[in-house]
Amino acid sequence: MIGERTKKKTFPKPDQFTAEVSYFSDCVSNGKQPEPSGREGLADIRIVRAIYESARTGKVVELADFAKKDRPSMKQEIDRPPHDKPGNGKS
């Protein structure tokens, strides 16, 4: 709000979960390795554990480099329309 004026912006609501389920089922059906892999999850866990350790000790926790060949790109994006809210009577 600026002075007495307000400005409202709206953005489209993406449906990330539907896209993830669609992508994963396509990988299972076609024998493809999904991205992110378990290695990506392991990297996340290492980072979270280092954060906790740093908070506990008050010291910097250094981590070894993460081995990762490819990074996700925008061409992997899957766009699905948002779904209706539960309980609205639509199926």
PDB file of N, CA and C in Angstrom:
ATOM      1  N   MET A   1       0.848  -1.170   0.000  1.00  0.00           N
ATOM      2  CA  MET A   1       0.000   0.000   0.000  1.00  0.00           C
ATOM      3  C   MET A   1       0.889   1.227   0.000  1.00  0.00           C
ATOM      4  N   ILE A   2       0.577   2.149  -0.891  1.00  0.00           N
ATOM      5  CA  ILE A   2       1.300   3.415  -0.969  1.00  0.00           C
ATOM      6  C   ILE A   2       0.286   4.519  -0.690  1.00  0.00           C
ATOM      7  N   GLY A   3       0.454   5.193   0.430  1.00  0.00           N
ATOM      8  CA  GLY A   3      -0.533   6.209   0.801  1.00  0.00           C
ATOM      9  C   GLY A   3      -1.886   5.556   0.956  1.00  0.00           C
ATOM     10  N   GLU A   4      -2.860   6.044   0.241  1.00  0.00           N
ATOM     11  CA  GLU A   4      -4.219   5.485   0.274  1.00  0.00           C
ATOM     12  C   GLU A   4      -4.472   4.526  -0.891  1.00  0.00           C
ATOM     13  N   ARG A   5      -3.471   4.367  -1.751  1.00  0.00           N
ATOM     14  CA  ARG A   5      -3.654   3.510  -2.926  1.00  0.00           C
ATOM     15  C   ARG A   5      -3.157   2.101  -2.645  1.00  0.00           C
ATOM     16  N   THR A   6      -3.857   1.163  -3.158  1.00  0.00           N
ATOM     17  CA  THR A   6      -3.408  -0.229  -3.086  1.00  0.00           C
ATOM     18  C   THR A   6      -3.344  -0.777  -4.500  1.00  0.00           C
ATOM     19  N   LYS A   7      -2.472  -1.734  -4.681  1.00  0.00           N
ATOM     20  CA  LYS A   7      -2.344  -2.382  -5.977  1.00  0.00           C
ATOM     21  C   LYS A   7      -2.286  -3.883  -5.737  1.00  0.00           C
ATOM     22  N   LYS A   8      -3.110  -4.604  -6.428  1.00  0.00           N
ATOM     23  CA  LYS A   8      -3.167  -6.047  -6.250  1.00  0.00           C
ATOM     24  C   LYS A   8      -2.700  -6.723  -7.527  1.00  0.00           C
ATOM     25  N   LYS A   9      -1.795  -7.678  -7.385  1.00  0.00           N
ATOM     26  CA  LYS A   9      -1.320  -8.460  -8.521  1.00  0.00           C
ATOM     27  C   LYS A   9      -1.764  -9.898  -8.321  1.00  0.00           C
ATOM     28  N   THR A  10      -2.146 -10.519  -9.385  1.00  0.00           N
ATOM     29  CA  THR A  10      -2.491 -11.938  -9.328  1.00  0.00           C
ATOM     30  C   THR A  10      -1.566 -12.696 -10.274  1.00  0.00           C
ATOM     31  N   PHE A  11      -1.281 -13.914  -9.895  1.00  0.00           N
ATOM     32  CA  PHE A  11      -0.406 -14.755 -10.685  1.00  0.00           C
ATOM     33  C   PHE A  11      -1.105 -16.091 -10.914  1.00  0.00           C
ATOM     34  N   PRO A  12      -0.806 -16.739 -12.036  1.00  0.00           N
ATOM     35  CA  PRO A  12      -1.409 -18.054 -12.262  1.00  0.00           C
ATOM     36  C   PRO A  12      -0.959 -19.033 -11.185  1.00  0.00           C
ATOM     37  N   LYS A  13      -1.847 -19.963 -10.846  1.00  0.00           N
ATOM     38  CA  LYS A  13      -1.541 -20.957  -9.821  1.00  0.00           C
ATOM     39  C   LYS A  13      -1.096 -22.247 -10.497  1.00  0.00           C
ATOM     40  N   PRO A  14       0.213 -22.520 -10.494  1.00  0.00           N
ATOM     41  CA  PRO A  14       0.658 -23.767 -11.112  1.00  0.00           C
ATOM     42  C   PRO A  14       0.295 -24.961 -10.237  1.00  0.00           C
ATOM     43  N   ASP A  15       0.175 -26.106 -10.848  1.00  0.00           N
ATOM     44  CA  ASP A  15      -0.123 -27.338 -10.121  1.00  0.00           C
ATOM     45  C   ASP A  15       1.119 -28.217 -10.176  1.00  0.00           C
ATOM     46  N   GLN A  16       2.046 -27.972  -9.270  1.00  0.00           N
ATOM     47  CA  GLN A  16       3.317 -28.675  -9.251  1.00  0.00           C
ATOM     48  C   GLN A  16       3.143 -30.162  -8.961  1.00  0.00           C
ATOM     49  N   PHE A  17       2.230 -30.529  -8.077  1.00  0.00           N
ATOM     50  CA  PHE A  17       2.079 -31.925  -7.686  1.00  0.00           C
ATOM     51  C   PHE A  17       1.629 -32.784  -8.876  1.00  0.00           C
ATOM     52  N   THR A  18       0.638 -32.308  -9.626  1.00  0.00           N
ATOM     53  CA  THR A  18       0.159 -33.069 -10.783  1.00  0.00           C
ATOM     54  C   THR A  18       1.285 -33.279 -11.787  1.00  0.00           C
ATOM     55  N   ALA A  19       2.076 -32.235 -12.019  1.00  0.00           N
ATOM     56  CA  ALA A  19       3.197 -32.360 -12.953  1.00  0.00           C
ATOM     57  C   ALA A  19       4.216 -33.380 -12.452  1.00  0.00           C
ATOM     58  N   GLU A  20       4.506 -33.369 -11.147  1.00  0.00           N
ATOM     59  CA  GLU A  20       5.467 -34.327 -10.585  1.00  0.00           C
ATOM     60  C   GLU A  20       4.971 -35.759 -10.711  1.00  0.00           C
ATOM     61  N   VAL A  21       3.703 -35.991 -10.398  1.00  0.00           N
ATOM     62  CA  VAL A  21       3.136 -37.340 -10.497  1.00  0.00           C
ATOM     63  C   VAL A  21       3.124 -37.799 -11.953  1.00  0.00           C
ATOM     64  N   SER A  22       2.752 -36.917 -12.868  1.00  0.00           N
ATOM     65  CA  SER A  22       2.728 -37.245 -14.290  1.00  0.00           C
ATOM     66  C   SER A  22       4.130 -37.611 -14.779  1.00  0.00           C
ATOM     67  N   TYR A  23       5.110 -36.811 -14.407  1.00  0.00           N
ATOM     68  CA  TYR A  23       6.493 -37.055 -14.799  1.00  0.00           C
ATOM     69  C   TYR A  23       6.996 -38.384 -14.240  1.00  0.00           C
ATOM     70  N   PHE A  24       6.751 -38.624 -12.947  1.00  0.00           N
ATOM     71  CA  PHE A  24       7.231 -39.847 -12.319  1.00  0.00           C
ATOM     72  C   PHE A  24       6.577 -41.080 -12.949  1.00  0.00           C
ATOM     73  N   SER A  25       5.274 -41.017 -13.197  1.00  0.00           N
ATOM     74  CA  SER A  25       4.602 -42.179 -13.801  1.00  0.00           C
ATOM     75  C   SER A  25       5.113 -42.425 -15.219  1.00  0.00           C
ATOM     76  N   ASP A  26       5.449 -41.358 -15.947  1.00  0.00           N
ATOM     77  CA  ASP A  26       6.028 -41.529 -17.284  1.00  0.00           C
ATOM     78  C   ASP A  26       7.389 -42.220 -17.181  1.00  0.00           C
ATOM     79  N   CYS A  27       8.200 -41.833 -16.171  1.00  0.00           N
ATOM     80  CA  CYS A  27       9.500 -42.475 -15.983  1.00  0.00           C
ATOM     81  C   CYS A  27       9.336 -43.963 -15.680  1.00  0.00           C
ATOM     82  N   VAL A  28       8.393 -44.301 -14.803  1.00  0.00           N
ATOM     83  CA  VAL A  28       8.161 -45.706 -14.443  1.00  0.00           C
ATOM     84  C   VAL A  28       7.671 -46.483 -15.662  1.00  0.00           C
ATOM     85  N   SER A  29       6.725 -45.917 -16.380  1.00  0.00           N
ATOM     86  CA  SER A  29       6.149 -46.604 -17.551  1.00  0.00           C
ATOM     87  C   SER A  29       7.167 -46.828 -18.660  1.00  0.00           C
ATOM     88  N   ASN A  30       8.114 -45.901 -18.802  1.00  0.00           N
ATOM     89  CA  ASN A  30       9.057 -45.976 -19.917  1.00  0.00           C
ATOM     90  C   ASN A  30      10.476 -46.347 -19.497  1.00  0.00           C
ATOM     91  N   GLY A  31      10.641 -46.809 -18.249  1.00  0.00           N
ATOM     92  CA  GLY A  31      11.948 -47.272 -17.786  1.00  0.00           C
ATOM     93  C   GLY A  31      13.010 -46.187 -17.748  1.00  0.00           C
ATOM     94  N   LYS A  32      12.612 -44.931 -17.510  1.00  0.00           N
ATOM     95  CA  LYS A  32      13.567 -43.826 -17.450  1.00  0.00           C
ATOM     96  C   LYS A  32      13.920 -43.528 -15.992  1.00  0.00           C
ATOM     97  N   GLN A  33      15.122 -43.023 -15.773  1.00  0.00           N
ATOM     98  CA  GLN A  33      15.562 -42.626 -14.436  1.00  0.00           C
ATOM     99  C   GLN A  33      14.993 -41.241 -14.127  1.00  0.00           C
ATOM    100  N   PRO A  34      14.210 -41.098 -13.058  1.00  0.00           N
ATOM    101  CA  PRO A  34      13.650 -39.776 -12.754  1.00  0.00           C
ATOM    102  C   PRO A  34      14.701 -38.795 -12.239  1.00  0.00           C
ATOM    103  N   GLU A  35      14.444 -37.537 -12.485  1.00  0.00           N
ATOM    104  CA  GLU A  35      15.288 -36.457 -11.964  1.00  0.00           C
ATOM    105  C   GLU A  35      14.396 -35.583 -11.105  1.00  0.00           C
ATOM    106  N   PRO A  36      14.691 -35.239  -9.912  1.00  0.00           N
ATOM    107  CA  PRO A  36      15.952 -35.502  -9.246  1.00  0.00           C
ATOM    108  C   PRO A  36      16.048 -36.948  -8.765  1.00  0.00           C
ATOM    109  N   SER A  37      17.271 -37.407  -8.690  1.00  0.00           N
ATOM    110  CA  SER A  37      17.518 -38.786  -8.259  1.00  0.00           C
ATOM    111  C   SER A  37      17.645 -38.838  -6.740  1.00  0.00           C
ATOM    112  N   GLY A  38      17.901 -40.009  -6.241  1.00  0.00           N
ATOM    113  CA  GLY A  38      18.150 -40.167  -4.814  1.00  0.00           C
ATOM    114  C   GLY A  38      19.393 -39.404  -4.376  1.00  0.00           C
ATOM    115  N   ARG A  39      20.326 -39.217  -5.299  1.00  0.00           N
ATOM    116  CA  ARG A  39      21.539 -38.460  -4.978  1.00  0.00           C
ATOM    117  C   ARG A  39      21.201 -37.008  -4.638  1.00  0.00           C
ATOM    118  N   GLU A  40      20.224 -36.464  -5.339  1.00  0.00           N
ATOM    119  CA  GLU A  40      19.785 -35.098  -5.054  1.00  0.00           C
ATOM    120  C   GLU A  40      19.203 -35.022  -3.634  1.00  0.00           C
ATOM    121  N   GLY A  41      18.406 -36.010  -3.273  1.00  0.00           N
ATOM    122  CA  GLY A  41      17.850 -36.063  -1.919  1.00  0.00           C
ATOM    123  C   GLY A  41      18.931 -36.225  -0.868  1.00  0.00           C
ATOM    124  N   LEU A  42      19.943 -37.053  -1.161  1.00  0.00           N
ATOM    125  CA  LEU A  42      21.060 -37.239  -0.237  1.00  0.00           C
ATOM    126  C   LEU A  42      21.810 -35.925  -0.044  1.00  0.00           C
ATOM    127  N   ALA A  43      22.005 -35.175  -1.122  1.00  0.00           N
ATOM    128  CA  ALA A  43      22.671 -33.870  -1.010  1.00  0.00           C
ATOM    129  C   ALA A  43      21.860 -32.947  -0.103  1.00  0.00           C
ATOM    130  N   ASP A  44      20.542 -32.950  -0.258  1.00  0.00           N
ATOM    131  CA  ASP A  44      19.679 -32.123   0.601  1.00  0.00           C
ATOM    132  C   ASP A  44      19.840 -32.501   2.070  1.00  0.00           C
ATOM    133  N   ILE A  45      19.871 -33.792   2.353  1.00  0.00           N
ATOM    134  CA  ILE A  45      20.018 -34.264   3.732  1.00  0.00           C
ATOM    135  C   ILE A  45      21.367 -33.842   4.302  1.00  0.00           C
ATOM    136  N   ARG A  46      22.421 -33.948   3.505  1.00  0.00           N
ATOM    137  CA  ARG A  46      23.753 -33.529   3.972  1.00  0.00           C
ATOM    138  C   ARG A  46      23.744 -32.045   4.344  1.00  0.00           C
ATOM    139  N   ILE A  47      23.081 -31.237   3.541  1.00  0.00           N
ATOM    140  CA  ILE A  47      23.013 -29.802   3.806  1.00  0.00           C
ATOM    141  C   ILE A  47      22.230 -29.525   5.084  1.00  0.00           C
ATOM    142  N   VAL A  48      21.085 -30.179   5.247  1.00  0.00           N
ATOM    143  CA  VAL A  48      20.272 -29.961   6.448  1.00  0.00           C
ATOM    144  C   VAL A  48      21.039 -30.389   7.698  1.00  0.00           C
ATOM    145  N   ARG A  49      21.719 -31.510   7.629  1.00  0.00           N
ATOM    146  CA  ARG A  49      22.492 -31.972   8.788  1.00  0.00           C
ATOM    147  C   ARG A  49      23.620 -30.991   9.125  1.00  0.00           C
ATOM    148  N   ALA A  50      24.246 -30.426   8.100  1.00  0.00           N
ATOM    149  CA  ALA A  50      25.307 -29.440   8.322  1.00  0.00           C
ATOM    150  C   ALA A  50      24.741 -28.172   8.965  1.00  0.00           C
ATOM    151  N   ILE A  51      23.544 -27.783   8.564  1.00  0.00           N
ATOM    152  CA  ILE A  51      22.898 -26.612   9.170  1.00  0.00           C
ATOM    153  C   ILE A  51      22.658 -26.857  10.649  1.00  0.00           C
ATOM    154  N   TYR A  52      22.126 -28.026  10.993  1.00  0.00           N
ATOM    155  CA  TYR A  52      21.896 -28.354  12.403  1.00  0.00           C
ATOM    156  C   TYR A  52      23.207 -28.384  13.194  1.00  0.00           C
ATOM    157  N   GLU A  53      24.227 -28.985  12.604  1.00  0.00           N
ATOM    158  CA  GLU A  53      25.525 -29.059  13.273  1.00  0.00           C
ATOM    159  C   GLU A  53      26.098 -27.661  13.502  1.00  0.00           C
ATOM    160  N   SER A  54      25.988 -26.809  12.505  1.00  0.00           N
ATOM    161  CA  SER A  54      26.481 -25.442  12.623  1.00  0.00           C
ATOM    162  C   SER A  54      25.712 -24.672  13.695  1.00  0.00           C
ATOM    163  N   ALA A  55      24.402 -24.864  13.735  1.00  0.00           N
ATOM    164  CA  ALA A  55      23.587 -24.192  14.758  1.00  0.00           C
ATOM    165  C   ALA A  55      23.952 -24.689  16.155  1.00  0.00           C
ATOM    166  N   ARG A  56      24.223 -25.987  16.272  1.00  0.00           N
ATOM    167  CA  ARG A  56      24.561 -26.566  17.573  1.00  0.00           C
ATOM    168  C   ARG A  56      25.924 -26.101  18.064  1.00  0.00           C
ATOM    169  N   THR A  57      26.900 -26.042  17.155  1.00  0.00           N
ATOM    170  CA  THR A  57      28.271 -25.727  17.558  1.00  0.00           C
ATOM    171  C   THR A  57      28.631 -24.257  17.391  1.00  0.00           C
ATOM    172  N   GLY A  58      27.866 -23.537  16.578  1.00  0.00           N
ATOM    173  CA  GLY A  58      28.198 -22.141  16.297  1.00  0.00           C
ATOM    174  C   GLY A  58      29.371 -22.002  15.343  1.00  0.00           C
ATOM    175  N   LYS A  59      29.716 -23.082  14.661  1.00  0.00           N
ATOM    176  CA  LYS A  59      30.853 -23.071  13.735  1.00  0.00           C
ATOM    177  C   LYS A  59      30.403 -23.392  12.316  1.00  0.00           C
ATOM    178  N   VAL A  60      31.225 -22.985  11.369  1.00  0.00           N
ATOM    179  CA  VAL A  60      30.974 -23.303   9.960  1.00  0.00           C
ATOM    180  C   VAL A  60      31.213 -24.789   9.746  1.00  0.00           C
ATOM    181  N   VAL A  61      30.325 -25.443   9.042  1.00  0.00           N
ATOM    182  CA  VAL A  61      30.490 -26.849   8.698  1.00  0.00           C
ATOM    183  C   VAL A  61      30.738 -26.927   7.199  1.00  0.00           C
ATOM    184  N   GLU A  62      31.904 -27.374   6.826  1.00  0.00           N
ATOM    185  CA  GLU A  62      32.244 -27.476   5.407  1.00  0.00           C
ATOM    186  C   GLU A  62      31.828 -28.836   4.879  1.00  0.00           C
ATOM    187  N   LEU A  63      31.322 -28.824   3.663  1.00  0.00           N
ATOM    188  CA  LEU A  63      30.903 -30.054   2.998  1.00  0.00           C
ATOM    189  C   LEU A  63      31.756 -30.278   1.758  1.00  0.00           C
ATOM    190  N   ALA A  64      32.029 -31.537   1.469  1.00  0.00           N
ATOM    191  CA  ALA A  64      32.734 -31.867   0.239  1.00  0.00           C
ATOM    192  C   ALA A  64      31.831 -31.533  -0.942  1.00  0.00           C
ATOM    193  N   ASP A  65      32.434 -31.325  -2.106  1.00  0.00           N
ATOM    194  CA  ASP A  65      31.664 -31.029  -3.314  1.00  0.00           C
ATOM    195  C   ASP A  65      30.669 -32.144  -3.605  1.00  0.00           C
ATOM    196  N   PHE A  66      29.558 -31.754  -4.182  1.00  0.00           N
ATOM    197  CA  PHE A  66      28.537 -32.711  -4.591  1.00  0.00           C
ATOM    198  C   PHE A  66      28.784 -33.090  -6.041  1.00  0.00           C
ATOM    199  N   ALA A  67      28.840 -34.358  -6.312  1.00  0.00           N
ATOM    200  CA  ALA A  67      29.022 -34.819  -7.693  1.00  0.00           C
ATOM    201  C   ALA A  67      27.676 -34.795  -8.403  1.00  0.00           C
ATOM    202  N   LYS A  68      27.565 -33.957  -9.395  1.00  0.00           N
ATOM    203  CA  LYS A  68      26.313 -33.836 -10.146  1.00  0.00           C
ATOM    204  C   LYS A  68      26.667 -33.543 -11.590  1.00  0.00           C
ATOM    205  N   LYS A  69      26.236 -34.384 -12.503  1.00  0.00           N
ATOM    206  CA  LYS A  69      26.556 -34.186 -13.914  1.00  0.00           C
ATOM    207  C   LYS A  69      25.680 -33.106 -14.539  1.00  0.00           C
ATOM    208  N   ASP A  70      24.396 -33.310 -14.487  1.00  0.00           N
ATOM    209  CA  ASP A  70      23.472 -32.400 -15.147  1.00  0.00           C
ATOM    210  C   ASP A  70      22.648 -31.649 -14.117  1.00  0.00           C
ATOM    211  N   ARG A  71      22.283 -30.431 -14.437  1.00  0.00           N
ATOM    212  CA  ARG A  71      21.403 -29.638 -13.594  1.00  0.00           C
ATOM    213  C   ARG A  71      20.041 -29.565 -14.287  1.00  0.00           C
ATOM    214  N   PRO A  72      18.968 -29.475 -13.519  1.00  0.00           N
ATOM    215  CA  PRO A  72      17.652 -29.309 -14.139  1.00  0.00           C
ATOM    216  C   PRO A  72      17.597 -28.025 -14.962  1.00  0.00           C
ATOM    217  N   SER A  73      16.806 -28.051 -16.015  1.00  0.00           N
ATOM    218  CA  SER A  73      16.656 -26.871 -16.867  1.00  0.00           C
ATOM    219  C   SER A  73      15.172 -26.584 -17.081  1.00  0.00           C
ATOM    220  N   MET A  74      14.885 -25.419 -17.615  1.00  0.00           N
ATOM    221  CA  MET A  74      13.500 -25.026 -17.856  1.00  0.00           C
ATOM    222  C   MET A  74      12.827 -25.913 -18.906  1.00  0.00           C
ATOM    223  N   LYS A  75      13.595 -26.597 -19.749  1.00  0.00           N
ATOM    224  CA  LYS A  75      12.958 -27.466 -20.739  1.00  0.00           C
ATOM    225  C   LYS A  75      12.327 -28.703 -20.097  1.00  0.00           C
ATOM    226  N   GLN A  76      12.655 -28.945 -18.831  1.00  0.00           N
ATOM    227  CA  GLN A  76      12.035 -30.046 -18.094  1.00  0.00           C
ATOM    228  C   GLN A  76      10.701 -29.644 -17.484  1.00  0.00           C
ATOM    229  N   GLU A  77      10.360 -28.366 -17.540  1.00  0.00           N
ATOM    230  CA  GLU A  77       9.131 -27.887 -16.917  1.00  0.00           C
ATOM    231  C   GLU A  77       7.908 -28.554 -17.544  1.00  0.00           C
ATOM    232  N   ILE A  78       6.988 -28.972 -16.706  1.00  0.00           N
ATOM    233  CA  ILE A  78       5.724 -29.559 -17.143  1.00  0.00           C
ATOM    234  C   ILE A  78       4.625 -28.640 -16.646  1.00  0.00           C
ATOM    235  N   ASP A  79       3.841 -28.112 -17.556  1.00  0.00           N
ATOM    236  CA  ASP A  79       2.789 -27.161 -17.197  1.00  0.00           C
ATOM    237  C   ASP A  79       1.444 -27.879 -17.182  1.00  0.00           C
ATOM    238  N   ARG A  80       0.770 -27.832 -16.052  1.00  0.00           N
ATOM    239  CA  ARG A  80      -0.559 -28.408 -15.904  1.00  0.00           C
ATOM    240  C   ARG A  80      -1.469 -27.333 -15.339  1.00  0.00           C
ATOM    241  N   PRO A  81      -2.720 -27.289 -15.749  1.00  0.00           N
ATOM    242  CA  PRO A  81      -3.632 -26.295 -15.179  1.00  0.00           C
ATOM    243  C   PRO A  81      -3.917 -26.614 -13.715  1.00  0.00           C
ATOM    244  N   PRO A  82      -4.211 -25.578 -12.918  1.00  0.00           N
ATOM    245  CA  PRO A  82      -4.515 -25.822 -11.507  1.00  0.00           C
ATOM    246  C   PRO A  82      -5.806 -26.610 -11.368  1.00  0.00           C
ATOM    247  N   HIS A  83      -5.900 -27.377 -10.312  1.00  0.00           N
ATOM    248  CA  HIS A  83      -7.114 -28.144 -10.042  1.00  0.00           C
ATOM    249  C   HIS A  83      -8.047 -27.326  -9.158  1.00  0.00           C
ATOM    250  N   ASP A  84      -9.297 -27.715  -9.083  1.00  0.00           N
ATOM    251  CA  ASP A  84     -10.247 -27.036  -8.228  1.00  0.00           C
ATOM    252  C   ASP A  84      -9.989 -27.392  -6.768  1.00  0.00           C
ATOM    253  N   LYS A  85     -10.460 -26.542  -5.876  1.00  0.00           N
ATOM    254  CA  LYS A  85     -10.320 -26.814  -4.460  1.00  0.00           C
ATOM    255  C   LYS A  85     -11.182 -28.016  -4.079  1.00  0.00           C
ATOM    256  N   PRO A  86     -10.751 -28.827  -3.132  1.00  0.00           N
ATOM    257  CA  PRO A  86     -11.562 -29.962  -2.693  1.00  0.00           C
ATOM    258  C   PRO A  86     -12.900 -29.489  -2.122  1.00  0.00           C
ATOM    259  N   GLY A  87     -13.919 -30.272  -2.337  1.00  0.00           N
ATOM    260  CA  GLY A  87     -15.221 -29.984  -1.739  1.00  0.00           C
ATOM    261  C   GLY A  87     -16.067 -28.992  -2.515  1.00  0.00           C
ATOM    262  N   ASN A  88     -15.693 -28.709  -3.765  1.00  0.00           N
ATOM    263  CA  ASN A  88     -16.493 -27.762  -4.511  1.00  0.00           C
ATOM    264  C   ASN A  88     -17.588 -28.435  -5.334  1.00  0.00           C
ATOM    265  N   GLY A  89     -17.693 -29.755  -5.210  1.00  0.00           N
ATOM    266  CA  GLY A  89     -18.748 -30.485  -5.893  1.00  0.00           C
ATOM    267  C   GLY A  89     -18.385 -30.924  -7.307  1.00  0.00           C
ATOM    268  N   LYS A  90     -17.196 -30.554  -7.764  1.00  0.00           N
ATOM    269  CA  LYS A  90     -16.762 -30.967  -9.104  1.00  0.00           C
ATOM    270  C   LYS A  90     -15.930 -32.230  -8.975  1.00  0.00           C
ATOM    271  N   SER A  91     -15.936 -33.050 -10.001  1.00  0.00           N
ATOM    272  CA  SER A  91     -15.124 -34.279  -9.991  1.00  0.00           C
ATOM    273  C   SER A  91     -13.962 -34.133 -10.904  1.00  0.00           C
TER     274      SER A  91
END
